[in-house]
Amino acid sequence: MPKIGMEPLRRKALIDATISAIGARGSLDVTMSEIAGRAGVSSALAHHYFGAKDELLFATMRHILSELNADTRRALRLAGTARQRVSALVAVSFSDEQFQPETIAAWLAFYVEAQKSSALRRLLRVYARRLHSNLMSGLTGILTRAEADRVAEATAALIDGLYIRRALKEGVPHAATAIALVEDYLETKLSGRSLP
């Protein structure tokens, strides 16, 4: 008889194991057996909770996005000005919780897989729209709407590009360097503006 309340814990363990396995392999070419072993459960239990591997991969991407969204909401609540909102979004994108080697590898693998999977492509579109909208919420307080749209698009591209570049390098990610690069770009676009 299964223990009451274990399902959420096992689901979370399987999702964490998926991120770890993808990070170690550097691709989505991982098996349910490998993921289950990392989570300390049987393959049968992994299949019971998620069905096919694709469903577990989808749940993992949803989890990553959910965590990013929760971190973003917390950071935006603390931002007092429009400029602080933009910086908060940049900082969250490269926070210790988000900018980990395994998570970076998972993002890159999901971007690649989204070329073939409409479900993952939809999730990545949600992420892109949310990031753009959150950036616009700060930038429209500083720039015209058209300028804000261009700067938001470029800032999002820088964030995504830095994840891709980081995934292709060895060693520990340097969040401070990534943040500084994005902030340098923002300073060039926002210098001389009246910052609320």
N, C-alpha and C. Protein backbone atom coordinates (compact mmCIF):
# COMPACT_ATOMS: atom_id res chain seq x y z
N MET A 1 0.84 -1.18 0.00
CA MET A 1 0.00 0.00 0.00
C MET A 1 0.89 1.25 0.00
N PRO A 2 0.64 2.19 -0.93
CA PRO A 2 1.48 3.39 -0.98
C PRO A 2 1.25 4.29 0.23
N LYS A 3 2.30 4.97 0.62
CA LYS A 3 2.19 5.91 1.74
C LYS A 3 1.47 7.16 1.28
N ILE A 4 0.56 7.63 2.11
CA ILE A 4 -0.20 8.84 1.82
C ILE A 4 0.76 10.03 1.79
N GLY A 5 0.61 10.88 0.78
CA GLY A 5 1.41 12.09 0.69
C GLY A 5 2.76 11.92 0.01
N MET A 6 3.08 10.70 -0.42
CA MET A 6 4.38 10.46 -1.06
C MET A 6 4.41 10.89 -2.52
N GLU A 7 3.25 10.92 -3.17
CA GLU A 7 3.23 11.23 -4.60
C GLU A 7 3.89 12.57 -4.93
N PRO A 8 3.53 13.66 -4.26
CA PRO A 8 4.19 14.94 -4.60
C PRO A 8 5.70 14.90 -4.38
N LEU A 9 6.13 14.20 -3.33
CA LEU A 9 7.57 14.11 -3.05
C LEU A 9 8.28 13.30 -4.13
N ARG A 10 7.67 12.21 -4.55
CA ARG A 10 8.29 11.38 -5.59
C ARG A 10 8.27 12.08 -6.94
N ARG A 11 7.19 12.78 -7.24
CA ARG A 11 7.15 13.55 -8.49
C ARG A 11 8.27 14.59 -8.51
N LYS A 12 8.43 15.30 -7.41
CA LYS A 12 9.49 16.32 -7.31
C LYS A 12 10.86 15.67 -7.43
N ALA A 13 11.05 14.52 -6.79
CA ALA A 13 12.33 13.81 -6.87
C ALA A 13 12.62 13.39 -8.31
N LEU A 14 11.60 12.95 -9.03
CA LEU A 14 11.78 12.55 -10.42
C LEU A 14 12.10 13.76 -11.31
N ILE A 15 11.45 14.88 -11.05
CA ILE A 15 11.74 16.09 -11.83
C ILE A 15 13.17 16.56 -11.55
N ASP A 16 13.57 16.57 -10.28
CA ASP A 16 14.95 16.96 -9.94
C ASP A 16 15.95 16.00 -10.58
N ALA A 17 15.63 14.72 -10.58
CA ALA A 17 16.51 13.72 -11.19
C ALA A 17 16.58 13.91 -12.70
N THR A 18 15.48 14.33 -13.30
CA THR A 18 15.48 14.60 -14.75
C THR A 18 16.42 15.75 -15.07
N ILE A 19 16.34 16.82 -14.30
CA ILE A 19 17.24 17.97 -14.51
C ILE A 19 18.69 17.53 -14.34
N SER A 20 18.95 16.75 -13.30
CA SER A 20 20.30 16.26 -13.04
C SER A 20 20.80 15.37 -14.17
N ALA A 21 19.95 14.46 -14.65
CA ALA A 21 20.34 13.54 -15.73
C ALA A 21 20.60 14.30 -17.03
N ILE A 22 19.74 15.25 -17.35
CA ILE A 22 19.94 16.06 -18.56
C ILE A 22 21.23 16.86 -18.44
N GLY A 23 21.47 17.43 -17.26
CA GLY A 23 22.69 18.19 -17.03
C GLY A 23 23.93 17.33 -17.20
N ALA A 24 23.89 16.11 -16.68
CA ALA A 24 25.04 15.22 -16.78
C ALA A 24 25.26 14.76 -18.23
N ARG A 25 24.18 14.51 -18.94
CA ARG A 25 24.28 14.01 -20.31
C ARG A 25 24.43 15.16 -21.30
N GLY A 26 23.88 16.32 -20.96
CA GLY A 26 23.93 17.45 -21.89
C GLY A 26 22.90 17.36 -22.99
N SER A 27 21.94 16.47 -22.84
CA SER A 27 20.88 16.33 -23.85
C SER A 27 19.68 15.65 -23.20
N LEU A 28 18.61 15.57 -23.97
CA LEU A 28 17.42 14.87 -23.48
C LEU A 28 17.51 13.37 -23.72
N ASP A 29 18.63 12.92 -24.17
CA ASP A 29 18.84 11.50 -24.45
C ASP A 29 19.12 10.74 -23.16
N VAL A 30 18.15 10.76 -22.27
CA VAL A 30 18.22 10.04 -21.00
C VAL A 30 17.05 9.06 -20.95
N THR A 31 17.21 8.01 -20.19
CA THR A 31 16.14 7.00 -20.10
C THR A 31 15.36 7.18 -18.82
N MET A 32 14.15 6.64 -18.82
CA MET A 32 13.34 6.65 -17.61
C MET A 32 14.05 5.87 -16.51
N SER A 33 14.72 4.80 -16.88
CA SER A 33 15.45 3.98 -15.91
C SER A 33 16.57 4.80 -15.25
N GLU A 34 17.29 5.56 -16.06
CA GLU A 34 18.36 6.41 -15.53
C GLU A 34 17.80 7.47 -14.59
N ILE A 35 16.71 8.09 -15.00
CA ILE A 35 16.08 9.13 -14.17
C ILE A 35 15.56 8.52 -12.87
N ALA A 36 14.88 7.39 -12.98
CA ALA A 36 14.33 6.72 -11.79
C ALA A 36 15.45 6.35 -10.82
N GLY A 37 16.58 5.84 -11.37
CA GLY A 37 17.72 5.48 -10.52
C GLY A 37 18.25 6.68 -9.75
N ARG A 38 18.34 7.81 -10.43
CA ARG A 38 18.80 9.04 -9.76
C ARG A 38 17.82 9.49 -8.67
N ALA A 39 16.54 9.22 -8.90
CA ALA A 39 15.51 9.63 -7.93
C ALA A 39 15.34 8.61 -6.81
N GLY A 40 15.95 7.46 -6.98
CA GLY A 40 15.83 6.43 -5.95
C GLY A 40 14.50 5.69 -5.97
N VAL A 41 13.88 5.64 -7.14
CA VAL A 41 12.62 4.90 -7.29
C VAL A 41 12.75 3.93 -8.47
N SER A 42 11.78 3.06 -8.61
CA SER A 42 11.81 2.10 -9.72
C SER A 42 11.32 2.77 -11.00
N SER A 43 11.73 2.19 -12.13
CA SER A 43 11.24 2.69 -13.43
C SER A 43 9.72 2.58 -13.51
N ALA A 44 9.18 1.51 -12.94
CA ALA A 44 7.73 1.31 -12.96
C ALA A 44 7.02 2.45 -12.24
N LEU A 45 7.59 2.90 -11.12
CA LEU A 45 6.97 4.00 -10.39
C LEU A 45 7.07 5.30 -11.18
N ALA A 46 8.19 5.52 -11.84
CA ALA A 46 8.34 6.71 -12.69
C ALA A 46 7.29 6.70 -13.79
N HIS A 47 7.09 5.55 -14.42
CA HIS A 47 6.07 5.43 -15.46
C HIS A 47 4.66 5.61 -14.88
N HIS A 48 4.46 5.12 -13.66
CA HIS A 48 3.15 5.27 -13.01
C HIS A 48 2.81 6.75 -12.82
N TYR A 49 3.78 7.53 -12.37
CA TYR A 49 3.53 8.95 -12.10
C TYR A 49 3.46 9.80 -13.37
N PHE A 50 4.27 9.47 -14.37
CA PHE A 50 4.37 10.35 -15.53
C PHE A 50 4.02 9.71 -16.86
N GLY A 51 3.83 8.40 -16.89
CA GLY A 51 3.57 7.75 -18.17
C GLY A 51 4.84 7.67 -18.97
N ALA A 52 4.85 8.23 -20.15
CA ALA A 52 6.01 8.18 -21.04
C ALA A 52 7.05 9.22 -20.63
N LYS A 53 8.26 9.05 -21.13
CA LYS A 53 9.35 9.98 -20.83
C LYS A 53 9.01 11.38 -21.30
N ASP A 54 8.34 11.51 -22.42
CA ASP A 54 7.97 12.84 -22.93
C ASP A 54 7.13 13.60 -21.92
N GLU A 55 6.24 12.90 -21.22
CA GLU A 55 5.40 13.56 -20.22
C GLU A 55 6.24 14.03 -19.03
N LEU A 56 7.24 13.24 -18.66
CA LEU A 56 8.14 13.66 -17.58
C LEU A 56 8.98 14.86 -18.02
N LEU A 57 9.45 14.87 -19.25
CA LEU A 57 10.22 16.00 -19.76
C LEU A 57 9.36 17.27 -19.79
N PHE A 58 8.11 17.13 -20.20
CA PHE A 58 7.19 18.26 -20.22
C PHE A 58 6.96 18.77 -18.79
N ALA A 59 6.73 17.86 -17.85
CA ALA A 59 6.53 18.25 -16.45
C ALA A 59 7.77 18.93 -15.89
N THR A 60 8.94 18.48 -16.31
CA THR A 60 10.20 19.09 -15.85
C THR A 60 10.32 20.52 -16.36
N MET A 61 10.01 20.73 -17.62
CA MET A 61 10.08 22.08 -18.17
C MET A 61 9.05 22.98 -17.50
N ARG A 62 7.86 22.46 -17.25
CA ARG A 62 6.84 23.25 -16.53
C ARG A 62 7.33 23.62 -15.14
N HIS A 63 8.00 22.68 -14.49
CA HIS A 63 8.54 22.94 -13.15
C HIS A 63 9.58 24.06 -13.19
N ILE A 64 10.51 23.97 -14.14
CA ILE A 64 11.55 25.00 -14.26
C ILE A 64 10.90 26.37 -14.50
N LEU A 65 9.92 26.42 -15.38
CA LEU A 65 9.24 27.68 -15.66
C LEU A 65 8.45 28.18 -14.45
N SER A 66 7.84 27.26 -13.72
CA SER A 66 7.09 27.64 -12.53
C SER A 66 8.01 28.23 -11.46
N GLU A 67 9.16 27.61 -11.27
CA GLU A 67 10.13 28.13 -10.31
C GLU A 67 10.63 29.51 -10.73
N LEU A 68 10.93 29.67 -12.01
CA LEU A 68 11.38 30.96 -12.53
C LEU A 68 10.29 32.02 -12.34
N ASN A 69 9.06 31.66 -12.61
CA ASN A 69 7.95 32.59 -12.46
C ASN A 69 7.77 33.01 -10.99
N ALA A 70 7.88 32.06 -10.07
CA ALA A 70 7.74 32.39 -8.65
C ALA A 70 8.88 33.31 -8.20
N ASP A 71 10.11 33.01 -8.64
CA ASP A 71 11.25 33.86 -8.30
C ASP A 71 11.07 35.27 -8.87
N THR A 72 10.55 35.33 -10.10
CA THR A 72 10.32 36.63 -10.75
C THR A 72 9.29 37.45 -10.00
N ARG A 73 8.19 36.83 -9.62
CA ARG A 73 7.15 37.56 -8.88
C ARG A 73 7.69 38.11 -7.57
N ARG A 74 8.49 37.32 -6.86
CA ARG A 74 9.08 37.79 -5.60
C ARG A 74 9.99 38.99 -5.85
N ALA A 75 10.83 38.89 -6.87
CA ALA A 75 11.78 39.98 -7.16
C ALA A 75 11.06 41.25 -7.58
N LEU A 76 10.01 41.12 -8.38
CA LEU A 76 9.28 42.30 -8.84
C LEU A 76 8.54 42.98 -7.70
N ARG A 77 8.09 42.23 -6.72
CA ARG A 77 7.42 42.83 -5.56
C ARG A 77 8.36 43.74 -4.78
N LEU A 78 9.64 43.43 -4.81
CA LEU A 78 10.64 44.22 -4.07
C LEU A 78 11.16 45.43 -4.84
N ALA A 79 10.89 45.46 -6.13
CA ALA A 79 11.40 46.55 -6.98
C ALA A 79 10.52 47.79 -6.80
N GLY A 80 11.17 48.91 -6.48
CA GLY A 80 10.41 50.12 -6.23
C GLY A 80 10.22 51.03 -7.43
N THR A 81 11.14 50.95 -8.40
CA THR A 81 11.07 51.83 -9.56
C THR A 81 11.03 51.00 -10.85
N ALA A 82 10.74 51.68 -11.94
CA ALA A 82 10.72 51.01 -13.25
C ALA A 82 12.08 50.42 -13.56
N ARG A 83 13.14 51.17 -13.31
CA ARG A 83 14.49 50.67 -13.60
C ARG A 83 14.83 49.48 -12.71
N GLN A 84 14.43 49.53 -11.45
CA GLN A 84 14.67 48.41 -10.54
C GLN A 84 13.93 47.16 -10.99
N ARG A 85 12.75 47.33 -11.60
CA ARG A 85 12.01 46.17 -12.13
C ARG A 85 12.84 45.47 -13.21
N VAL A 86 13.42 46.25 -14.11
CA VAL A 86 14.22 45.66 -15.19
C VAL A 86 15.43 44.95 -14.61
N SER A 87 16.13 45.59 -13.69
CA SER A 87 17.30 44.96 -13.08
C SER A 87 16.92 43.72 -12.28
N ALA A 88 15.77 43.74 -11.65
CA ALA A 88 15.32 42.57 -10.89
C ALA A 88 15.12 41.37 -11.82
N LEU A 89 14.57 41.63 -12.99
CA LEU A 89 14.36 40.54 -13.97
C LEU A 89 15.68 39.96 -14.44
N VAL A 90 16.65 40.83 -14.67
CA VAL A 90 17.97 40.36 -15.10
C VAL A 90 18.60 39.53 -13.98
N ALA A 91 18.55 40.05 -12.77
CA ALA A 91 19.15 39.33 -11.63
C ALA A 91 18.50 37.96 -11.42
N VAL A 92 17.17 37.89 -11.53
CA VAL A 92 16.48 36.61 -11.36
C VAL A 92 16.91 35.62 -12.43
N SER A 93 17.07 36.09 -13.64
CA SER A 93 17.46 35.20 -14.74
C SER A 93 18.79 34.51 -14.48
N PHE A 94 19.66 35.16 -13.70
CA PHE A 94 20.98 34.60 -13.42
C PHE A 94 21.19 34.33 -11.93
N SER A 95 20.09 34.12 -11.21
CA SER A 95 20.18 33.87 -9.77
C SER A 95 20.78 32.50 -9.51
N ASP A 96 21.21 32.30 -8.27
CA ASP A 96 21.77 31.01 -7.87
C ASP A 96 20.78 29.87 -8.10
N GLU A 97 19.50 30.14 -7.95
CA GLU A 97 18.48 29.12 -8.14
C GLU A 97 18.30 28.76 -9.61
N GLN A 98 18.50 29.72 -10.50
CA GLN A 98 18.25 29.50 -11.92
C GLN A 98 19.50 29.16 -12.72
N PHE A 99 20.61 29.81 -12.43
CA PHE A 99 21.80 29.73 -13.29
C PHE A 99 22.76 28.64 -12.79
N GLN A 100 22.24 27.43 -12.69
CA GLN A 100 23.00 26.25 -12.29
C GLN A 100 23.36 25.43 -13.53
N PRO A 101 24.50 24.77 -13.54
CA PRO A 101 24.89 24.00 -14.74
C PRO A 101 23.81 23.03 -15.24
N GLU A 102 23.16 22.31 -14.31
CA GLU A 102 22.14 21.34 -14.73
C GLU A 102 20.93 22.03 -15.35
N THR A 103 20.52 23.14 -14.75
CA THR A 103 19.36 23.87 -15.27
C THR A 103 19.69 24.51 -16.61
N ILE A 104 20.90 25.03 -16.73
CA ILE A 104 21.34 25.61 -18.00
C ILE A 104 21.31 24.55 -19.10
N ALA A 105 21.84 23.36 -18.79
CA ALA A 105 21.84 22.26 -19.77
C ALA A 105 20.41 21.86 -20.12
N ALA A 106 19.53 21.86 -19.12
CA ALA A 106 18.12 21.52 -19.38
C ALA A 106 17.49 22.54 -20.32
N TRP A 107 17.74 23.83 -20.08
CA TRP A 107 17.19 24.86 -20.96
C TRP A 107 17.64 24.65 -22.40
N LEU A 108 18.95 24.41 -22.58
CA LEU A 108 19.47 24.22 -23.93
C LEU A 108 18.84 22.99 -24.58
N ALA A 109 18.74 21.91 -23.83
CA ALA A 109 18.13 20.69 -24.37
C ALA A 109 16.67 20.92 -24.73
N PHE A 110 15.96 21.67 -23.90
CA PHE A 110 14.55 21.94 -24.20
C PHE A 110 14.40 22.82 -25.43
N TYR A 111 15.30 23.78 -25.60
CA TYR A 111 15.25 24.62 -26.80
C TYR A 111 15.41 23.76 -28.05
N VAL A 112 16.35 22.83 -27.99
CA VAL A 112 16.59 21.94 -29.13
C VAL A 112 15.37 21.06 -29.37
N GLU A 113 14.84 20.47 -28.31
CA GLU A 113 13.69 19.56 -28.44
C GLU A 113 12.43 20.29 -28.90
N ALA A 114 12.32 21.57 -28.56
CA ALA A 114 11.14 22.35 -28.96
C ALA A 114 11.02 22.47 -30.47
N GLN A 115 12.11 22.23 -31.19
CA GLN A 115 12.04 22.24 -32.65
C GLN A 115 11.18 21.10 -33.17
N LYS A 116 11.06 20.03 -32.35
CA LYS A 116 10.29 18.85 -32.76
C LYS A 116 9.00 18.68 -31.98
N SER A 117 8.93 19.25 -30.78
CA SER A 117 7.79 19.04 -29.89
C SER A 117 6.93 20.30 -29.80
N SER A 118 5.71 20.20 -30.26
CA SER A 118 4.82 21.37 -30.19
C SER A 118 4.48 21.71 -28.75
N ALA A 119 4.41 20.71 -27.87
CA ALA A 119 4.10 20.98 -26.46
C ALA A 119 5.22 21.78 -25.81
N LEU A 120 6.46 21.38 -26.04
CA LEU A 120 7.58 22.15 -25.48
C LEU A 120 7.70 23.51 -26.14
N ARG A 121 7.41 23.60 -27.42
CA ARG A 121 7.45 24.90 -28.11
C ARG A 121 6.44 25.85 -27.47
N ARG A 122 5.25 25.34 -27.15
CA ARG A 122 4.25 26.18 -26.49
C ARG A 122 4.75 26.69 -25.15
N LEU A 123 5.39 25.82 -24.36
CA LEU A 123 5.93 26.25 -23.07
C LEU A 123 7.00 27.33 -23.24
N LEU A 124 7.86 27.15 -24.21
CA LEU A 124 8.90 28.15 -24.44
C LEU A 124 8.31 29.47 -24.92
N ARG A 125 7.22 29.41 -25.67
CA ARG A 125 6.54 30.65 -26.07
C ARG A 125 5.94 31.36 -24.86
N VAL A 126 5.38 30.59 -23.93
CA VAL A 126 4.85 31.18 -22.69
C VAL A 126 5.97 31.89 -21.95
N TYR A 127 7.12 31.21 -21.83
CA TYR A 127 8.27 31.81 -21.17
C TYR A 127 8.67 33.12 -21.86
N ALA A 128 8.79 33.08 -23.18
CA ALA A 128 9.23 34.26 -23.94
C ALA A 128 8.24 35.41 -23.79
N ARG A 129 6.95 35.12 -23.87
CA ARG A 129 5.94 36.18 -23.71
C ARG A 129 5.96 36.76 -22.31
N ARG A 130 6.12 35.89 -21.32
CA ARG A 130 6.15 36.36 -19.93
C ARG A 130 7.38 37.24 -19.68
N LEU A 131 8.54 36.82 -20.17
CA LEU A 131 9.75 37.62 -20.00
C LEU A 131 9.59 38.97 -20.68
N HIS A 132 9.09 38.97 -21.91
CA HIS A 132 8.90 40.22 -22.64
C HIS A 132 7.93 41.14 -21.89
N SER A 133 6.83 40.59 -21.44
CA SER A 133 5.83 41.38 -20.72
C SER A 133 6.41 41.97 -19.44
N ASN A 134 7.15 41.16 -18.69
CA ASN A 134 7.75 41.66 -17.45
C ASN A 134 8.78 42.75 -17.73
N LEU A 135 9.59 42.57 -18.76
CA LEU A 135 10.55 43.62 -19.12
C LEU A 135 9.82 44.90 -19.53
N MET A 136 8.77 44.74 -20.31
CA MET A 136 7.99 45.91 -20.74
C MET A 136 7.39 46.65 -19.55
N SER A 137 7.03 45.92 -18.50
CA SER A 137 6.42 46.57 -17.33
C SER A 137 7.37 47.58 -16.69
N GLY A 138 8.67 47.38 -16.84
CA GLY A 138 9.63 48.36 -16.34
C GLY A 138 10.05 49.34 -17.41
N LEU A 139 10.30 48.84 -18.60
CA LEU A 139 10.84 49.70 -19.66
C LEU A 139 9.86 50.75 -20.15
N THR A 140 8.56 50.45 -20.14
CA THR A 140 7.60 51.46 -20.61
C THR A 140 7.49 52.63 -19.64
N GLY A 141 8.01 52.48 -18.44
CA GLY A 141 8.08 53.59 -17.51
C GLY A 141 9.28 54.50 -17.78
N ILE A 142 10.15 54.08 -18.73
CA ILE A 142 11.37 54.83 -19.01
C ILE A 142 11.45 55.26 -20.47
N LEU A 143 10.99 54.39 -21.37
CA LEU A 143 11.12 54.60 -22.81
C LEU A 143 9.74 54.70 -23.46
N THR A 144 9.73 55.16 -24.71
CA THR A 144 8.49 55.08 -25.47
C THR A 144 8.16 53.61 -25.68
N ARG A 145 6.94 53.31 -25.99
CA ARG A 145 6.52 51.91 -26.16
C ARG A 145 7.35 51.22 -27.25
N ALA A 146 7.58 51.88 -28.37
CA ALA A 146 8.34 51.26 -29.46
C ALA A 146 9.79 51.01 -29.03
N GLU A 147 10.40 51.98 -28.34
CA GLU A 147 11.76 51.79 -27.86
C GLU A 147 11.81 50.67 -26.82
N ALA A 148 10.85 50.68 -25.91
CA ALA A 148 10.79 49.66 -24.87
C ALA A 148 10.67 48.27 -25.47
N ASP A 149 9.87 48.15 -26.53
CA ASP A 149 9.69 46.86 -27.19
C ASP A 149 11.01 46.35 -27.76
N ARG A 150 11.77 47.23 -28.40
CA ARG A 150 13.07 46.83 -28.97
C ARG A 150 14.07 46.46 -27.88
N VAL A 151 14.11 47.25 -26.82
CA VAL A 151 15.05 46.97 -25.73
C VAL A 151 14.66 45.68 -25.00
N ALA A 152 13.37 45.46 -24.82
CA ALA A 152 12.91 44.22 -24.17
C ALA A 152 13.29 43.01 -25.02
N GLU A 153 13.10 43.11 -26.32
CA GLU A 153 13.45 42.01 -27.22
C GLU A 153 14.95 41.73 -27.18
N ALA A 154 15.76 42.77 -27.22
CA ALA A 154 17.22 42.60 -27.19
C ALA A 154 17.68 42.06 -25.83
N THR A 155 17.09 42.54 -24.76
CA THR A 155 17.46 42.07 -23.41
C THR A 155 17.12 40.59 -23.26
N ALA A 156 15.95 40.19 -23.72
CA ALA A 156 15.57 38.78 -23.67
C ALA A 156 16.53 37.93 -24.50
N ALA A 157 16.92 38.43 -25.67
CA ALA A 157 17.86 37.70 -26.52
C ALA A 157 19.22 37.57 -25.84
N LEU A 158 19.65 38.62 -25.15
CA LEU A 158 20.91 38.54 -24.41
C LEU A 158 20.83 37.49 -23.30
N ILE A 159 19.73 37.49 -22.56
CA ILE A 159 19.57 36.51 -21.48
C ILE A 159 19.60 35.09 -22.05
N ASP A 160 18.80 34.84 -23.07
CA ASP A 160 18.77 33.49 -23.67
C ASP A 160 20.13 33.15 -24.26
N GLY A 161 20.75 34.10 -24.94
CA GLY A 161 22.04 33.86 -25.56
C GLY A 161 23.12 33.54 -24.54
N LEU A 162 23.09 34.20 -23.39
CA LEU A 162 24.08 33.91 -22.36
C LEU A 162 23.88 32.52 -21.77
N TYR A 163 22.64 32.05 -21.71
CA TYR A 163 22.40 30.66 -21.28
C TYR A 163 22.99 29.69 -22.30
N ILE A 164 22.78 29.96 -23.57
CA ILE A 164 23.31 29.08 -24.61
C ILE A 164 24.84 29.08 -24.58
N ARG A 165 25.43 30.24 -24.48
CA ARG A 165 26.90 30.32 -24.44
C ARG A 165 27.44 29.62 -23.21
N ARG A 166 26.74 29.77 -22.09
CA ARG A 166 27.19 29.12 -20.85
C ARG A 166 27.10 27.60 -20.97
N ALA A 167 26.07 27.11 -21.64
CA ALA A 167 25.91 25.67 -21.80
C ALA A 167 27.04 25.06 -22.62
N LEU A 168 27.68 25.86 -23.44
CA LEU A 168 28.75 25.36 -24.31
C LEU A 168 30.13 25.46 -23.67
N LYS A 169 30.20 25.99 -22.46
CA LYS A 169 31.48 26.14 -21.78
C LYS A 169 31.59 25.15 -20.63
N GLU A 170 32.81 24.92 -20.23
CA GLU A 170 33.09 24.08 -19.07
C GLU A 170 33.13 24.96 -17.82
N GLY A 171 32.99 24.35 -16.67
CA GLY A 171 33.18 25.06 -15.42
C GLY A 171 31.91 25.66 -14.86
N VAL A 172 32.11 26.41 -13.80
CA VAL A 172 31.00 27.00 -13.06
C VAL A 172 30.52 28.27 -13.76
N PRO A 173 29.20 28.41 -13.91
CA PRO A 173 28.68 29.64 -14.52
C PRO A 173 28.98 30.87 -13.65
N HIS A 174 29.28 31.97 -14.28
CA HIS A 174 29.56 33.22 -13.55
C HIS A 174 28.38 34.17 -13.75
N ALA A 175 27.47 34.13 -12.80
CA ALA A 175 26.26 34.93 -12.89
C ALA A 175 26.58 36.43 -12.90
N ALA A 176 27.53 36.84 -12.09
CA ALA A 176 27.85 38.27 -12.01
C ALA A 176 28.31 38.81 -13.36
N THR A 177 29.08 38.03 -14.10
CA THR A 177 29.54 38.44 -15.42
C THR A 177 28.36 38.56 -16.38
N ALA A 178 27.46 37.59 -16.34
CA ALA A 178 26.28 37.62 -17.21
C ALA A 178 25.41 38.83 -16.88
N ILE A 179 25.17 39.08 -15.61
CA ILE A 179 24.36 40.23 -15.20
C ILE A 179 25.02 41.52 -15.67
N ALA A 180 26.34 41.63 -15.48
CA ALA A 180 27.06 42.85 -15.89
C ALA A 180 26.93 43.09 -17.38
N LEU A 181 27.01 42.05 -18.19
CA LEU A 181 26.87 42.22 -19.65
C LEU A 181 25.49 42.77 -20.02
N VAL A 182 24.45 42.21 -19.41
CA VAL A 182 23.09 42.68 -19.73
C VAL A 182 22.89 44.09 -19.20
N GLU A 183 23.37 44.36 -18.00
CA GLU A 183 23.22 45.69 -17.42
C GLU A 183 24.00 46.74 -18.22
N ASP A 184 25.16 46.37 -18.76
CA ASP A 184 25.91 47.31 -19.62
C ASP A 184 25.08 47.68 -20.84
N TYR A 185 24.45 46.69 -21.46
CA TYR A 185 23.59 46.97 -22.61
C TYR A 185 22.45 47.90 -22.19
N LEU A 186 21.80 47.60 -21.07
CA LEU A 186 20.68 48.43 -20.62
C LEU A 186 21.13 49.86 -20.33
N GLU A 187 22.30 50.01 -19.74
CA GLU A 187 22.80 51.36 -19.45
C GLU A 187 23.00 52.15 -20.73
N THR A 188 23.49 51.51 -21.79
CA THR A 188 23.67 52.24 -23.05
C THR A 188 22.32 52.68 -23.62
N LYS A 189 21.29 51.88 -23.42
CA LYS A 189 19.98 52.21 -23.96
C LYS A 189 19.20 53.18 -23.07
N LEU A 190 19.50 53.18 -21.78
CA LEU A 190 18.71 54.00 -20.85
C LEU A 190 19.45 55.24 -20.37
N SER A 191 20.73 55.37 -20.72
CA SER A 191 21.49 56.54 -20.23
C SER A 191 20.87 57.84 -20.76
N GLY A 192 20.83 58.81 -19.90
CA GLY A 192 20.26 60.09 -20.27
C GLY A 192 18.76 60.14 -20.19
N ARG A 193 18.13 59.03 -19.84
CA ARG A 193 16.67 59.02 -19.70
C ARG A 193 16.30 59.39 -18.28
N SER A 194 15.15 59.93 -18.13
CA SER A 194 14.63 60.22 -16.80
C SER A 194 14.13 58.90 -16.22
N LEU A 195 14.82 58.41 -15.19
CA LEU A 195 14.48 57.11 -14.63
C LEU A 195 13.58 57.28 -13.41
N PRO A 196 12.36 56.77 -13.51
CA PRO A 196 11.46 56.84 -12.36
C PRO A 196 11.87 55.88 -11.27
